[in-house]
Amino acid sequence: MQTLQVATVVLLTTILGLTACEKNEQVETKPIPQVSQQSEFADTIYYNGKVITVNDKQPKATVVAVKDGKILYVGDIRGSKPLTSESTKQVDLGGKTMVPGFVDAHGHVVSAGIQAASANLLPMPDGNVNNFSELSDVMSSWENSEAGKTFIDNTGWLVGFGFDDSQLAEQLFPTAETLNAINDKKPMMIIHQSGHFGVFNQQALAKAGIDDLAPLPYLSA
């Protein structure tokens, strides 16, 4: 009798176990619900770029999606597809670099870029400008170089960076006449090594509404 009871218990336990396994298998193989239709689309998608994310966990990206002036997505083109609608504007960056909007009360990013693209007017040993004659030679050489031609084509200006009056043989600032002798047809600006001073030729002064070199009234003695 005891043997029959034990056998019955074992049988019931086995049946219950098999039933539980079948239920678990049904739960595990249950179809995954379909994702609801995308409800948020980007206003603009910038793609095919080199995106500087400033994020160590995701240092590289090629796409940025924006909605209502805020970044909606940063990643690759495939990840941006669900955010794209017929009304989404798509901008091809053409391999150019996209950086975050920097908010800085005092920065030198722009001036560093100008220095890199313009004529090098630094004195020796960082440059070759230690007098007015060398300044003229360097500006003329840069104007006729490929880099200079590209800069002038894009901006219409001749620009030099890095002269230092304290290291020029003349111990003076160049003047508008100094720059006019180099080129009086295009606006020209040269920037002091400190970044706090500049000299303009007559064409550049005219663009600022200054048509002569008379002393300004508020600077008169």
C-alpha atoms as a PDB file:
ATOM      1  CA  MET A   1       0.000   0.000   0.000  1.00  0.00           C
ATOM      2  CA  GLN A   2       2.798   2.393   0.901  1.00  0.00           C
ATOM      3  CA  THR A   3       4.546   1.520  -2.368  1.00  0.00           C
ATOM      4  CA  LEU A   4       1.390   2.444  -4.335  1.00  0.00           C
ATOM      5  CA  GLN A   5       1.086   5.774  -2.507  1.00  0.00           C
ATOM      6  CA  VAL A   6       4.729   6.637  -3.173  1.00  0.00           C
ATOM      7  CA  ALA A   7       4.327   5.738  -6.851  1.00  0.00           C
ATOM      8  CA  THR A   8       1.212   7.921  -7.068  1.00  0.00           C
ATOM      9  CA  VAL A   9       3.010  10.903  -5.517  1.00  0.00           C
ATOM     10  CA  VAL A  10       5.961  10.509  -7.898  1.00  0.00           C
ATOM     11  CA  LEU A  11       3.598  10.321 -10.889  1.00  0.00           C
ATOM     12  CA  LEU A  12       1.671  13.421  -9.824  1.00  0.00           C
ATOM     13  CA  THR A  13       4.924  15.320  -9.218  1.00  0.00           C
ATOM     14  CA  THR A  14       6.213  14.351 -12.675  1.00  0.00           C
ATOM     15  CA  ILE A  15       2.935  15.437 -14.364  1.00  0.00           C
ATOM     16  CA  LEU A  16       2.920  18.777 -12.536  1.00  0.00           C
ATOM     17  CA  GLY A  17       6.588  19.343 -13.436  1.00  0.00           C
ATOM     18  CA  LEU A  18       5.961  18.649 -17.097  1.00  0.00           C
ATOM     19  CA  THR A  19       2.928  20.954 -17.081  1.00  0.00           C
ATOM     20  CA  ALA A  20       4.999  23.737 -15.505  1.00  0.00           C
ATOM     21  CA  CYS A  21       7.725  23.278 -18.135  1.00  0.00           C
ATOM     22  CA  GLU A  22       5.155  23.507 -20.924  1.00  0.00           C
ATOM     23  CA  LYS A  23       3.797  26.746 -19.443  1.00  0.00           C
ATOM     24  CA  ASN A  24       7.312  28.183 -19.114  1.00  0.00           C
ATOM     25  CA  GLU A  25       8.088  27.242 -22.703  1.00  0.00           C
ATOM     26  CA  GLN A  26       4.885  28.948 -23.859  1.00  0.00           C
ATOM     27  CA  VAL A  27       5.825  32.142 -21.985  1.00  0.00           C
ATOM     28  CA  GLU A  28       9.351  32.172 -23.394  1.00  0.00           C
ATOM     29  CA  THR A  29       8.217  31.674 -26.978  1.00  0.00           C
ATOM     30  CA  LYS A  30       5.394  34.206 -26.726  1.00  0.00           C
ATOM     31  CA  PRO A  31       5.637  36.658 -29.683  1.00  0.00           C
ATOM     32  CA  ILE A  32       7.232  40.040 -28.811  1.00  0.00           C
ATOM     33  CA  PRO A  33       4.676  42.859 -29.038  1.00  0.00           C
ATOM     34  CA  GLN A  34       5.158  45.188 -32.007  1.00  0.00           C
ATOM     35  CA  VAL A  35       6.732  48.570 -31.181  1.00  0.00           C
ATOM     36  CA  SER A  36       4.247  51.406 -31.513  1.00  0.00           C
ATOM     37  CA  GLN A  37       4.680  53.714 -34.509  1.00  0.00           C
ATOM     38  CA  GLN A  38       7.342  56.413 -34.088  1.00  0.00           C
ATOM     39  CA  SER A  39       5.649  59.503 -32.638  1.00  0.00           C
ATOM     40  CA  GLU A  40       8.650  61.844 -32.574  1.00  0.00           C
ATOM     41  CA  PHE A  41      10.451  62.823 -35.754  1.00  0.00           C
ATOM     42  CA  ALA A  42      13.453  65.065 -36.205  1.00  0.00           C
ATOM     43  CA  ASP A  43      13.110  68.502 -37.767  1.00  0.00           C
ATOM     44  CA  THR A  44      16.634  68.240 -39.213  1.00  0.00           C
ATOM     45  CA  ILE A  45      19.141  65.425 -39.581  1.00  0.00           C
ATOM     46  CA  TYR A  46      22.819  66.198 -40.202  1.00  0.00           C
ATOM     47  CA  TYR A  47      24.618  63.192 -41.693  1.00  0.00           C
ATOM     48  CA  ASN A  48      27.871  62.117 -43.337  1.00  0.00           C
ATOM     49  CA  GLY A  49      29.967  64.133 -40.896  1.00  0.00           C
ATOM     50  CA  LYS A  50      32.659  63.745 -38.268  1.00  0.00           C
ATOM     51  CA  VAL A  51      30.764  64.549 -35.088  1.00  0.00           C
ATOM     52  CA  ILE A  52      32.732  65.605 -32.013  1.00  0.00           C
ATOM     53  CA  THR A  53      30.513  64.251 -29.247  1.00  0.00           C
ATOM     54  CA  VAL A  54      32.627  65.208 -26.189  1.00  0.00           C
ATOM     55  CA  ASN A  55      31.409  61.919 -24.760  1.00  0.00           C
ATOM     56  CA  ASP A  56      34.052  59.353 -23.785  1.00  0.00           C
ATOM     57  CA  LYS A  57      31.485  56.544 -23.978  1.00  0.00           C
ATOM     58  CA  GLN A  58      30.557  57.505 -27.550  1.00  0.00           C
ATOM     59  CA  PRO A  59      33.527  59.388 -28.973  1.00  0.00           C
ATOM     60  CA  LYS A  60      32.589  58.942 -32.632  1.00  0.00           C
ATOM     61  CA  ALA A  61      29.406  59.585 -34.570  1.00  0.00           C
ATOM     62  CA  THR A  62      28.363  60.586 -38.077  1.00  0.00           C
ATOM     63  CA  VAL A  63      24.778  61.756 -37.560  1.00  0.00           C
ATOM     64  CA  VAL A  64      22.977  64.309 -35.396  1.00  0.00           C
ATOM     65  CA  ALA A  65      19.186  64.622 -35.310  1.00  0.00           C
ATOM     66  CA  VAL A  66      17.566  67.813 -34.005  1.00  0.00           C
ATOM     67  CA  LYS A  67      14.002  68.614 -32.959  1.00  0.00           C
ATOM     68  CA  ASP A  68      12.741  71.982 -31.722  1.00  0.00           C
ATOM     69  CA  GLY A  69      16.311  73.243 -31.397  1.00  0.00           C
ATOM     70  CA  LYS A  70      17.398  70.345 -29.189  1.00  0.00           C
ATOM     71  CA  ILE A  71      19.540  67.314 -29.993  1.00  0.00           C
ATOM     72  CA  LEU A  72      17.304  64.278 -30.361  1.00  0.00           C
ATOM     73  CA  TYR A  73      19.868  61.670 -31.423  1.00  0.00           C
ATOM     74  CA  VAL A  74      23.605  61.241 -31.971  1.00  0.00           C
ATOM     75  CA  GLY A  75      24.884  58.148 -33.751  1.00  0.00           C
ATOM     76  CA  ASP A  76      24.922  56.634 -37.225  1.00  0.00           C
ATOM     77  CA  ILE A  77      22.615  56.847 -40.231  1.00  0.00           C
ATOM     78  CA  ARG A  78      20.842  53.579 -39.493  1.00  0.00           C
ATOM     79  CA  GLY A  79      19.872  54.703 -36.012  1.00  0.00           C
ATOM     80  CA  SER A  80      18.393  57.921 -37.403  1.00  0.00           C
ATOM     81  CA  LYS A  81      16.018  56.185 -39.819  1.00  0.00           C
ATOM     82  CA  PRO A  82      13.137  55.819 -37.302  1.00  0.00           C
ATOM     83  CA  LEU A  83      13.397  59.576 -36.628  1.00  0.00           C
ATOM     84  CA  THR A  84      13.049  60.520 -40.281  1.00  0.00           C
ATOM     85  CA  SER A  85       9.771  61.601 -41.870  1.00  0.00           C
ATOM     86  CA  GLU A  86       8.901  63.200 -45.206  1.00  0.00           C
ATOM     87  CA  SER A  87       9.123  66.634 -43.592  1.00  0.00           C
ATOM     88  CA  THR A  88      12.559  66.056 -42.009  1.00  0.00           C
ATOM     89  CA  LYS A  89      15.228  68.282 -43.538  1.00  0.00           C
ATOM     90  CA  GLN A  90      18.399  66.333 -44.283  1.00  0.00           C
ATOM     91  CA  VAL A  91      21.749  68.110 -44.428  1.00  0.00           C
ATOM     92  CA  ASP A  92      24.773  66.364 -45.948  1.00  0.00           C
ATOM     93  CA  LEU A  93      27.883  67.516 -44.040  1.00  0.00           C
ATOM     94  CA  GLY A  94      30.104  66.186 -46.791  1.00  0.00           C
ATOM     95  CA  GLY A  95      32.639  64.751 -44.361  1.00  0.00           C
ATOM     96  CA  LYS A  96      33.062  68.036 -42.492  1.00  0.00           C
ATOM     97  CA  THR A  97      33.435  68.193 -38.718  1.00  0.00           C
ATOM     98  CA  MET A  98      30.500  69.117 -36.476  1.00  0.00           C
ATOM     99  CA  VAL A  99      31.236  70.345 -32.947  1.00  0.00           C
ATOM    100  CA  PRO A 100      29.004  71.261 -30.006  1.00  0.00           C
ATOM    101  CA  GLY A 101      28.011  74.888 -29.474  1.00  0.00           C
ATOM    102  CA  PHE A 102      30.630  76.267 -27.130  1.00  0.00           C
ATOM    103  CA  VAL A 103      29.532  78.804 -24.507  1.00  0.00           C
ATOM    104  CA  ASP A 104      32.629  80.600 -23.286  1.00  0.00           C
ATOM    105  CA  ALA A 105      32.971  84.162 -22.035  1.00  0.00           C
ATOM    106  CA  HIS A 106      36.605  84.225 -23.099  1.00  0.00           C
ATOM    107  CA  GLY A 107      37.944  81.806 -25.661  1.00  0.00           C
ATOM    108  CA  HIS A 108      40.579  81.690 -28.388  1.00  0.00           C
ATOM    109  CA  VAL A 109      39.091  79.078 -30.689  1.00  0.00           C
ATOM    110  CA  VAL A 110      38.304  81.583 -33.462  1.00  0.00           C
ATOM    111  CA  SER A 111      41.612  83.438 -33.226  1.00  0.00           C
ATOM    112  CA  ALA A 112      43.529  80.155 -33.270  1.00  0.00           C
ATOM    113  CA  GLY A 113      41.721  79.212 -36.466  1.00  0.00           C
ATOM    114  CA  ILE A 114      42.486  82.582 -38.055  1.00  0.00           C
ATOM    115  CA  GLN A 115      46.140  82.291 -37.063  1.00  0.00           C
ATOM    116  CA  ALA A 116      46.394  78.845 -38.630  1.00  0.00           C
ATOM    117  CA  ALA A 117      44.832  79.997 -41.912  1.00  0.00           C
ATOM    118  CA  SER A 118      46.454  83.428 -42.305  1.00  0.00           C
ATOM    119  CA  ALA A 119      49.975  84.623 -43.090  1.00  0.00           C
ATOM    120  CA  ASN A 120      52.524  83.879 -40.355  1.00  0.00           C
ATOM    121  CA  LEU A 121      53.914  87.251 -39.216  1.00  0.00           C
ATOM    122  CA  LEU A 122      55.641  85.979 -36.070  1.00  0.00           C
ATOM    123  CA  PRO A 123      59.239  87.083 -35.467  1.00  0.00           C
ATOM    124  CA  MET A 124      62.092  84.578 -35.506  1.00  0.00           C
ATOM    125  CA  PRO A 125      62.403  81.777 -34.549  1.00  0.00           C
ATOM    126  CA  ASP A 126      58.664  81.094 -34.987  1.00  0.00           C
ATOM    127  CA  GLY A 127      58.417  83.157 -38.159  1.00  0.00           C
ATOM    128  CA  ASN A 128      60.459  85.403 -40.421  1.00  0.00           C
ATOM    129  CA  VAL A 129      59.154  88.906 -39.702  1.00  0.00           C
ATOM    130  CA  ASN A 130      61.582  91.188 -37.862  1.00  0.00           C
ATOM    131  CA  ASN A 131      61.108  94.372 -39.913  1.00  0.00           C
ATOM    132  CA  PHE A 132      58.624  96.057 -42.235  1.00  0.00           C
ATOM    133  CA  SER A 133      60.346  94.746 -45.359  1.00  0.00           C
ATOM    134  CA  GLU A 134      60.072  91.115 -44.189  1.00  0.00           C
ATOM    135  CA  LEU A 135      56.446  91.719 -43.210  1.00  0.00           C
ATOM    136  CA  SER A 136      55.758  92.922 -46.757  1.00  0.00           C
ATOM    137  CA  ASP A 137      57.562  89.936 -48.291  1.00  0.00           C
ATOM    138  CA  VAL A 138      55.677  87.390 -46.158  1.00  0.00           C
ATOM    139  CA  MET A 139      52.266  88.972 -46.860  1.00  0.00           C
ATOM    140  CA  SER A 140      52.954  89.073 -50.623  1.00  0.00           C
ATOM    141  CA  SER A 141      54.214  85.480 -50.635  1.00  0.00           C
ATOM    142  CA  TRP A 142      51.156  84.274 -48.675  1.00  0.00           C
ATOM    143  CA  GLU A 143      48.794  86.160 -50.992  1.00  0.00           C
ATOM    144  CA  ASN A 144      50.166  84.213 -53.970  1.00  0.00           C
ATOM    145  CA  SER A 145      50.270  80.832 -52.197  1.00  0.00           C
ATOM    146  CA  GLU A 146      47.548  78.202 -52.532  1.00  0.00           C
ATOM    147  CA  ALA A 147      46.555  78.670 -48.875  1.00  0.00           C
ATOM    148  CA  GLY A 148      46.397  82.427 -49.319  1.00  0.00           C
ATOM    149  CA  LYS A 149      44.379  82.247 -52.533  1.00  0.00           C
ATOM    150  CA  THR A 150      41.870  79.903 -50.871  1.00  0.00           C
ATOM    151  CA  PHE A 151      41.539  82.193 -47.837  1.00  0.00           C
ATOM    152  CA  ILE A 152      41.102  85.290 -50.019  1.00  0.00           C
ATOM    153  CA  ASP A 153      38.595  83.549 -52.305  1.00  0.00           C
ATOM    154  CA  ASN A 154      36.507  82.572 -49.276  1.00  0.00           C
ATOM    155  CA  THR A 155      36.713  85.861 -47.364  1.00  0.00           C
ATOM    156  CA  GLY A 156      37.854  88.577 -49.753  1.00  0.00           C
ATOM    157  CA  TRP A 157      40.463  89.664 -47.174  1.00  0.00           C
ATOM    158  CA  LEU A 158      44.221  89.475 -46.797  1.00  0.00           C
ATOM    159  CA  VAL A 159      45.023  88.605 -43.184  1.00  0.00           C
ATOM    160  CA  GLY A 160      48.268  88.153 -41.272  1.00  0.00           C
ATOM    161  CA  PHE A 161      48.773  87.182 -37.653  1.00  0.00           C
ATOM    162  CA  GLY A 162      51.632  87.544 -35.177  1.00  0.00           C
ATOM    163  CA  PHE A 163      53.601  90.727 -35.853  1.00  0.00           C
ATOM    164  CA  ASP A 164      55.223  92.223 -32.739  1.00  0.00           C
ATOM    165  CA  ASP A 165      56.238  95.888 -32.731  1.00  0.00           C
ATOM    166  CA  SER A 166      58.662  95.263 -29.855  1.00  0.00           C
ATOM    167  CA  GLN A 167      60.590  92.802 -32.026  1.00  0.00           C
ATOM    168  CA  LEU A 168      60.485  94.757 -35.278  1.00  0.00           C
ATOM    169  CA  ALA A 169      63.665  96.634 -36.187  1.00  0.00           C
ATOM    170  CA  GLU A 170      61.616  99.829 -36.547  1.00  0.00           C
ATOM    171  CA  GLN A 171      60.218  99.454 -33.011  1.00  0.00           C
ATOM    172  CA  LEU A 172      56.959 100.848 -34.399  1.00  0.00           C
ATOM    173  CA  PHE A 173      53.533  99.652 -35.420  1.00  0.00           C
ATOM    174  CA  PRO A 174      53.043  99.337 -39.183  1.00  0.00           C
ATOM    175  CA  THR A 175      50.504 101.852 -40.546  1.00  0.00           C
ATOM    176  CA  ALA A 176      47.798 101.838 -43.182  1.00  0.00           C
ATOM    177  CA  GLU A 177      50.356 103.220 -45.629  1.00  0.00           C
ATOM    178  CA  THR A 178      52.653 100.280 -44.862  1.00  0.00           C
ATOM    179  CA  LEU A 179      49.887  97.860 -45.811  1.00  0.00           C
ATOM    180  CA  ASN A 180      48.727  99.952 -48.797  1.00  0.00           C
ATOM    181  CA  ALA A 181      52.181  99.462 -50.295  1.00  0.00           C
ATOM    182  CA  ILE A 182      51.619  95.705 -50.130  1.00  0.00           C
ATOM    183  CA  ASN A 183      48.100  95.728 -51.578  1.00  0.00           C
ATOM    184  CA  ASP A 184      45.718  98.662 -51.946  1.00  0.00           C
ATOM    185  CA  LYS A 185      43.076  96.804 -53.971  1.00  0.00           C
ATOM    186  CA  LYS A 186      41.797  94.336 -51.343  1.00  0.00           C
ATOM    187  CA  PRO A 187      41.065  94.906 -47.640  1.00  0.00           C
ATOM    188  CA  MET A 188      43.958  93.827 -45.446  1.00  0.00           C
ATOM    189  CA  MET A 189      44.262  93.275 -41.713  1.00  0.00           C
ATOM    190  CA  ILE A 190      47.295  92.249 -39.689  1.00  0.00           C
ATOM    191  CA  ILE A 191      46.866  91.173 -36.062  1.00  0.00           C
ATOM    192  CA  HIS A 192      49.372  91.739 -33.275  1.00  0.00           C
ATOM    193  CA  GLN A 193      50.941  88.692 -31.616  1.00  0.00           C
ATOM    194  CA  SER A 194      48.973  89.488 -28.433  1.00  0.00           C
ATOM    195  CA  GLY A 195      45.682  89.412 -30.325  1.00  0.00           C
ATOM    196  CA  HIS A 196      44.801  92.802 -28.790  1.00  0.00           C
ATOM    197  CA  PHE A 197      45.879  95.111 -31.620  1.00  0.00           C
ATOM    198  CA  GLY A 198      45.428  95.269 -35.368  1.00  0.00           C
ATOM    199  CA  VAL A 199      46.398  97.383 -38.358  1.00  0.00           C
ATOM    200  CA  PHE A 200      44.208  97.893 -41.450  1.00  0.00           C
ATOM    201  CA  ASN A 201      44.929  99.177 -44.932  1.00  0.00           C
ATOM    202  CA  GLN A 202      42.866 101.911 -46.606  1.00  0.00           C
ATOM    203  CA  GLN A 203      40.440  99.437 -48.204  1.00  0.00           C
ATOM    204  CA  ALA A 204      39.676  97.832 -44.843  1.00  0.00           C
ATOM    205  CA  LEU A 205      39.273 101.214 -43.133  1.00  0.00           C
ATOM    206  CA  ALA A 206      36.827 102.286 -45.842  1.00  0.00           C
ATOM    207  CA  LYS A 207      34.689  99.218 -45.091  1.00  0.00           C
ATOM    208  CA  ALA A 208      34.543 100.446 -41.475  1.00  0.00           C
ATOM    209  CA  GLY A 209      33.453 103.893 -42.626  1.00  0.00           C
ATOM    210  CA  ILE A 210      36.836 105.522 -41.991  1.00  0.00           C
ATOM    211  CA  ASP A 211      37.880 107.395 -45.120  1.00  0.00           C
ATOM    212  CA  ASP A 212      40.907 109.290 -43.844  1.00  0.00           C
ATOM    213  CA  LEU A 213      43.530 109.122 -41.117  1.00  0.00           C
ATOM    214  CA  ALA A 214      42.592 112.365 -39.350  1.00  0.00           C
ATOM    215  CA  PRO A 215      42.735 112.203 -35.529  1.00  0.00           C
ATOM    216  CA  LEU A 216      39.428 111.227 -33.986  1.00  0.00           C
ATOM    217  CA  PRO A 217      37.778 114.144 -32.100  1.00  0.00           C
ATOM    218  CA  TYR A 218      37.580 112.319 -28.792  1.00  0.00           C
ATOM    219  CA  LEU A 219      41.305 111.527 -28.944  1.00  0.00           C
ATOM    220  CA  SER A 220      42.382 115.128 -29.619  1.00  0.00           C
ATOM    221  CA  ALA A 221      44.329 116.981 -26.968  1.00  0.00           C
END
